[in-house]
Amino acid sequence: MENTQATAEVLNDLVQINNDRIKGYERALKELKDGETDLRTLFLSLIDASNRYKNELGKEVEVLGKDIDTGTSTGGKIHRAWLDVKAAFTAHDTHDILEECEFGEDAIVKAYRDALAEEYIPGFLRDLINRQHDEILDAHDEIKALRDSVH
């Protein structure tokens, strides 16, 4: 029973960080300039991926007989509030937007690594988390490469 509760908490943490990611990319979309259609497409695809991840994780939380946490993490809320303050004082260019997106990707990568470090996570859930983690790493690397290419 303890492992079931702990597993549900880990899965809910991942649901929350995916909610943070969605909110972060929705905010980044608002910062883009009109001609940045490639970034718009990328950000929308990352939002779609996080929606898929949280739905997959949420189904597993329900199977465990627990409630899905539909909010965002405290850290994510704090980070978004900080971005709002920063945006009030600076004009965001593409590099700044991508830098903030990479910061968010760093956070979700860490959350997934922390989840994978938990020994009590059953193998089939570990496989699910690992698959999502691999896709998130690819997205992180893409955001980082884009950031590095923009000056």
C-alpha atoms as a PDB file:
ATOM      1  CA  MET A   1       0.000   0.000   0.000  1.00  0.00           C
ATOM      2  CA  GLU A   2       2.832   2.405   0.804  1.00  0.00           C
ATOM      3  CA  ASN A   3       4.401   1.752  -2.593  1.00  0.00           C
ATOM      4  CA  THR A   4       1.071   2.379  -4.321  1.00  0.00           C
ATOM      5  CA  GLN A   5       0.721   5.770  -2.626  1.00  0.00           C
ATOM      6  CA  ALA A   6       4.357   6.685  -3.287  1.00  0.00           C
ATOM      7  CA  THR A   7       4.066   5.611  -6.936  1.00  0.00           C
ATOM      8  CA  ALA A   8       0.911   7.698  -7.368  1.00  0.00           C
ATOM      9  CA  GLU A   9       2.695  10.700  -5.863  1.00  0.00           C
ATOM     10  CA  VAL A  10       5.610  10.327  -8.291  1.00  0.00           C
ATOM     11  CA  LEU A  11       3.225  10.024 -11.237  1.00  0.00           C
ATOM     12  CA  ASN A  12       1.269  13.066 -10.038  1.00  0.00           C
ATOM     13  CA  ASP A  13       4.525  15.018  -9.739  1.00  0.00           C
ATOM     14  CA  LEU A  14       5.162  14.221 -13.401  1.00  0.00           C
ATOM     15  CA  VAL A  15       1.598  15.262 -14.310  1.00  0.00           C
ATOM     16  CA  GLN A  16       2.219  18.589 -12.550  1.00  0.00           C
ATOM     17  CA  ILE A  17       5.555  19.244 -14.250  1.00  0.00           C
ATOM     18  CA  ASN A  18       3.928  18.500 -17.605  1.00  0.00           C
ATOM     19  CA  ASN A  19       1.228  21.038 -16.714  1.00  0.00           C
ATOM     20  CA  ASP A  20       4.042  23.510 -15.950  1.00  0.00           C
ATOM     21  CA  ARG A  21       5.597  22.739 -19.317  1.00  0.00           C
ATOM     22  CA  ILE A  22       2.308  23.326 -21.118  1.00  0.00           C
ATOM     23  CA  LYS A  23       1.814  26.663 -19.351  1.00  0.00           C
ATOM     24  CA  GLY A  24       5.409  27.656 -20.100  1.00  0.00           C
ATOM     25  CA  TYR A  25       5.078  26.976 -23.818  1.00  0.00           C
ATOM     26  CA  GLU A  26       1.681  28.687 -23.966  1.00  0.00           C
ATOM     27  CA  ARG A  27       3.343  31.752 -22.470  1.00  0.00           C
ATOM     28  CA  ALA A  28       6.301  31.451 -24.860  1.00  0.00           C
ATOM     29  CA  LEU A  29       3.868  31.337 -27.802  1.00  0.00           C
ATOM     30  CA  LYS A  30       2.528  34.736 -26.755  1.00  0.00           C
ATOM     31  CA  GLU A  31       6.077  36.163 -26.789  1.00  0.00           C
ATOM     32  CA  LEU A  32       6.886  35.043 -30.341  1.00  0.00           C
ATOM     33  CA  LYS A  33       6.963  37.504 -33.200  1.00  0.00           C
ATOM     34  CA  ASP A  34       4.646  37.034 -36.171  1.00  0.00           C
ATOM     35  CA  GLY A  35       7.250  35.493 -38.493  1.00  0.00           C
ATOM     36  CA  GLU A  36       8.428  32.793 -36.094  1.00  0.00           C
ATOM     37  CA  THR A  37       6.201  30.050 -37.482  1.00  0.00           C
ATOM     38  CA  ASP A  38       8.795  27.285 -37.048  1.00  0.00           C
ATOM     39  CA  LEU A  39       9.050  28.012 -33.318  1.00  0.00           C
ATOM     40  CA  ARG A  40       5.265  28.304 -33.064  1.00  0.00           C
ATOM     41  CA  THR A  41       4.925  24.848 -34.648  1.00  0.00           C
ATOM     42  CA  LEU A  42       7.599  23.404 -32.338  1.00  0.00           C
ATOM     43  CA  PHE A  43       6.048  24.877 -29.194  1.00  0.00           C
ATOM     44  CA  LEU A  44       2.593  23.580 -30.172  1.00  0.00           C
ATOM     45  CA  SER A  45       4.031  20.099 -30.747  1.00  0.00           C
ATOM     46  CA  LEU A  46       5.699  20.172 -27.310  1.00  0.00           C
ATOM     47  CA  ILE A  47       2.386  21.217 -25.729  1.00  0.00           C
ATOM     48  CA  ASP A  48       0.713  18.284 -27.502  1.00  0.00           C
ATOM     49  CA  ALA A  49       3.435  15.910 -26.275  1.00  0.00           C
ATOM     50  CA  SER A  50       3.020  17.054 -22.664  1.00  0.00           C
ATOM     51  CA  ASN A  51      -0.755  16.654 -22.943  1.00  0.00           C
ATOM     52  CA  ARG A  52      -0.186  13.083 -24.145  1.00  0.00           C
ATOM     53  CA  TYR A  53       2.323  12.408 -21.343  1.00  0.00           C
ATOM     54  CA  LYS A  54       0.033  13.682 -18.606  1.00  0.00           C
ATOM     55  CA  ASN A  55      -2.892  11.665 -20.003  1.00  0.00           C
ATOM     56  CA  GLU A  56      -0.781   8.491 -20.024  1.00  0.00           C
ATOM     57  CA  LEU A  57       0.436   9.170 -16.482  1.00  0.00           C
ATOM     58  CA  GLY A  58      -3.046  10.120 -15.288  1.00  0.00           C
ATOM     59  CA  LYS A  59      -4.504   6.825 -16.496  1.00  0.00           C
ATOM     60  CA  GLU A  60      -1.909   4.993 -14.425  1.00  0.00           C
ATOM     61  CA  VAL A  61      -2.734   7.091 -11.348  1.00  0.00           C
ATOM     62  CA  GLU A  62      -6.392   6.126 -11.776  1.00  0.00           C
ATOM     63  CA  VAL A  63      -5.457   2.442 -12.126  1.00  0.00           C
ATOM     64  CA  LEU A  64      -3.696   2.774  -8.774  1.00  0.00           C
ATOM     65  CA  GLY A  65      -7.012   4.002  -7.345  1.00  0.00           C
ATOM     66  CA  LYS A  66      -5.749   7.524  -6.649  1.00  0.00           C
ATOM     67  CA  ASP A  67      -6.846  10.993  -7.755  1.00  0.00           C
ATOM     68  CA  ILE A  68      -5.031  12.788 -10.552  1.00  0.00           C
ATOM     69  CA  ASP A  69      -3.524  16.102  -9.534  1.00  0.00           C
ATOM     70  CA  THR A  70      -4.516  18.552 -12.263  1.00  0.00           C
ATOM     71  CA  GLY A  71      -2.607  21.589 -10.972  1.00  0.00           C
ATOM     72  CA  THR A  72       0.874  22.838 -11.565  1.00  0.00           C
ATOM     73  CA  SER A  73       3.823  22.514  -9.231  1.00  0.00           C
ATOM     74  CA  THR A  74       4.680  25.252  -6.774  1.00  0.00           C
ATOM     75  CA  GLY A  75       8.090  25.608  -8.392  1.00  0.00           C
ATOM     76  CA  GLY A  76       6.453  26.024 -11.790  1.00  0.00           C
ATOM     77  CA  LYS A  77       4.123  28.726 -10.500  1.00  0.00           C
ATOM     78  CA  ILE A  78       7.036  30.552  -8.927  1.00  0.00           C
ATOM     79  CA  HIS A  79       9.059  30.325 -12.121  1.00  0.00           C
ATOM     80  CA  ARG A  80       6.155  31.615 -14.248  1.00  0.00           C
ATOM     81  CA  ALA A  81       5.633  34.512 -11.814  1.00  0.00           C
ATOM     82  CA  TRP A  82       9.323  35.348 -12.107  1.00  0.00           C
ATOM     83  CA  LEU A  83       9.011  35.301 -15.906  1.00  0.00           C
ATOM     84  CA  ASP A  84       6.084  37.726 -15.692  1.00  0.00           C
ATOM     85  CA  VAL A  85       8.182  40.140 -13.612  1.00  0.00           C
ATOM     86  CA  LYS A  86      11.138  39.790 -15.966  1.00  0.00           C
ATOM     87  CA  ALA A  87       8.906  40.349 -19.018  1.00  0.00           C
ATOM     88  CA  ALA A  88       7.608  43.591 -17.543  1.00  0.00           C
ATOM     89  CA  PHE A  89      11.131  45.039 -17.577  1.00  0.00           C
ATOM     90  CA  THR A  90      12.696  43.531 -20.676  1.00  0.00           C
ATOM     91  CA  ALA A  91      11.709  42.938 -24.257  1.00  0.00           C
ATOM     92  CA  HIS A  92      11.988  39.260 -25.077  1.00  0.00           C
ATOM     93  CA  ASP A  93      13.885  38.358 -28.166  1.00  0.00           C
ATOM     94  CA  THR A  94      14.006  34.865 -29.630  1.00  0.00           C
ATOM     95  CA  HIS A  95      17.194  33.961 -27.753  1.00  0.00           C
ATOM     96  CA  ASP A  96      15.632  34.967 -24.401  1.00  0.00           C
ATOM     97  CA  ILE A  97      12.491  32.956 -25.118  1.00  0.00           C
ATOM     98  CA  LEU A  98      14.516  29.879 -26.039  1.00  0.00           C
ATOM     99  CA  GLU A  99      16.726  30.342 -22.987  1.00  0.00           C
ATOM    100  CA  GLU A 100      13.658  30.314 -20.735  1.00  0.00           C
ATOM    101  CA  CYS A 101      12.287  27.282 -22.582  1.00  0.00           C
ATOM    102  CA  GLU A 102      15.582  25.477 -22.013  1.00  0.00           C
ATOM    103  CA  PHE A 103      15.376  26.340 -18.311  1.00  0.00           C
ATOM    104  CA  GLY A 104      11.923  24.698 -18.259  1.00  0.00           C
ATOM    105  CA  GLU A 105      13.218  21.680 -20.166  1.00  0.00           C
ATOM    106  CA  ASP A 106      16.032  21.335 -17.604  1.00  0.00           C
ATOM    107  CA  ALA A 107      13.397  21.209 -14.849  1.00  0.00           C
ATOM    108  CA  ILE A 108      11.280  18.528 -16.512  1.00  0.00           C
ATOM    109  CA  VAL A 109      14.354  16.412 -17.338  1.00  0.00           C
ATOM    110  CA  LYS A 110      15.357  16.576 -13.658  1.00  0.00           C
ATOM    111  CA  ALA A 111      11.840  15.597 -12.531  1.00  0.00           C
ATOM    112  CA  TYR A 112      11.878  12.558 -14.810  1.00  0.00           C
ATOM    113  CA  ARG A 113      15.366  11.556 -13.651  1.00  0.00           C
ATOM    114  CA  ASP A 114      14.214  11.833 -10.041  1.00  0.00           C
ATOM    115  CA  ALA A 115      11.189   9.653 -10.810  1.00  0.00           C
ATOM    116  CA  LEU A 116      13.370   7.036 -12.488  1.00  0.00           C
ATOM    117  CA  ALA A 117      15.648   6.982  -9.426  1.00  0.00           C
ATOM    118  CA  GLU A 118      12.778   5.731  -7.243  1.00  0.00           C
ATOM    119  CA  GLU A 119      13.371   2.020  -6.690  1.00  0.00           C
ATOM    120  CA  TYR A 120       9.753   1.101  -5.953  1.00  0.00           C
ATOM    121  CA  ILE A 121       8.406   2.158  -9.383  1.00  0.00           C
ATOM    122  CA  PRO A 122       7.104  -1.006 -11.122  1.00  0.00           C
ATOM    123  CA  GLY A 123       8.825  -2.046 -14.355  1.00  0.00           C
ATOM    124  CA  PHE A 124       5.918  -1.256 -16.686  1.00  0.00           C
ATOM    125  CA  LEU A 125       5.660   2.281 -15.261  1.00  0.00           C
ATOM    126  CA  ARG A 126       9.429   2.669 -15.412  1.00  0.00           C
ATOM    127  CA  ASP A 127       9.189   1.819 -19.133  1.00  0.00           C
ATOM    128  CA  LEU A 128       6.503   4.482 -19.640  1.00  0.00           C
ATOM    129  CA  ILE A 129       8.477   7.113 -17.710  1.00  0.00           C
ATOM    130  CA  ASN A 130      11.680   6.167 -19.546  1.00  0.00           C
ATOM    131  CA  ARG A 131      10.012   6.528 -22.965  1.00  0.00           C
ATOM    132  CA  GLN A 132       8.647   9.948 -22.042  1.00  0.00           C
ATOM    133  CA  HIS A 133      12.031  10.927 -20.575  1.00  0.00           C
ATOM    134  CA  ASP A 134      13.789  10.003 -23.837  1.00  0.00           C
ATOM    135  CA  GLU A 135      11.370  12.148 -25.862  1.00  0.00           C
ATOM    136  CA  ILE A 136      11.802  15.034 -23.418  1.00  0.00           C
ATOM    137  CA  LEU A 137      15.600  14.767 -23.713  1.00  0.00           C
ATOM    138  CA  ASP A 138      15.268  15.033 -27.500  1.00  0.00           C
ATOM    139  CA  ALA A 139      13.084  18.149 -27.091  1.00  0.00           C
ATOM    140  CA  HIS A 140      15.570  19.620 -24.619  1.00  0.00           C
ATOM    141  CA  ASP A 141      18.421  19.105 -27.066  1.00  0.00           C
ATOM    142  CA  GLU A 142      16.395  20.681 -29.889  1.00  0.00           C
ATOM    143  CA  ILE A 143      15.541  23.754 -27.785  1.00  0.00           C
ATOM    144  CA  LYS A 144      19.189  24.075 -26.686  1.00  0.00           C
ATOM    145  CA  ALA A 145      20.464  23.812 -30.281  1.00  0.00           C
ATOM    146  CA  LEU A 146      17.952  26.433 -31.428  1.00  0.00           C
ATOM    147  CA  ARG A 147      18.959  28.718 -28.571  1.00  0.00           C
ATOM    148  CA  ASP A 148      22.628  28.316 -29.463  1.00  0.00           C
ATOM    149  CA  SER A 149      21.917  29.096 -33.124  1.00  0.00           C
ATOM    150  CA  VAL A 150      20.133  32.394 -32.365  1.00  0.00           C
ATOM    151  CA  HIS A 151      22.202  35.410 -31.407  1.00  0.00           C
END
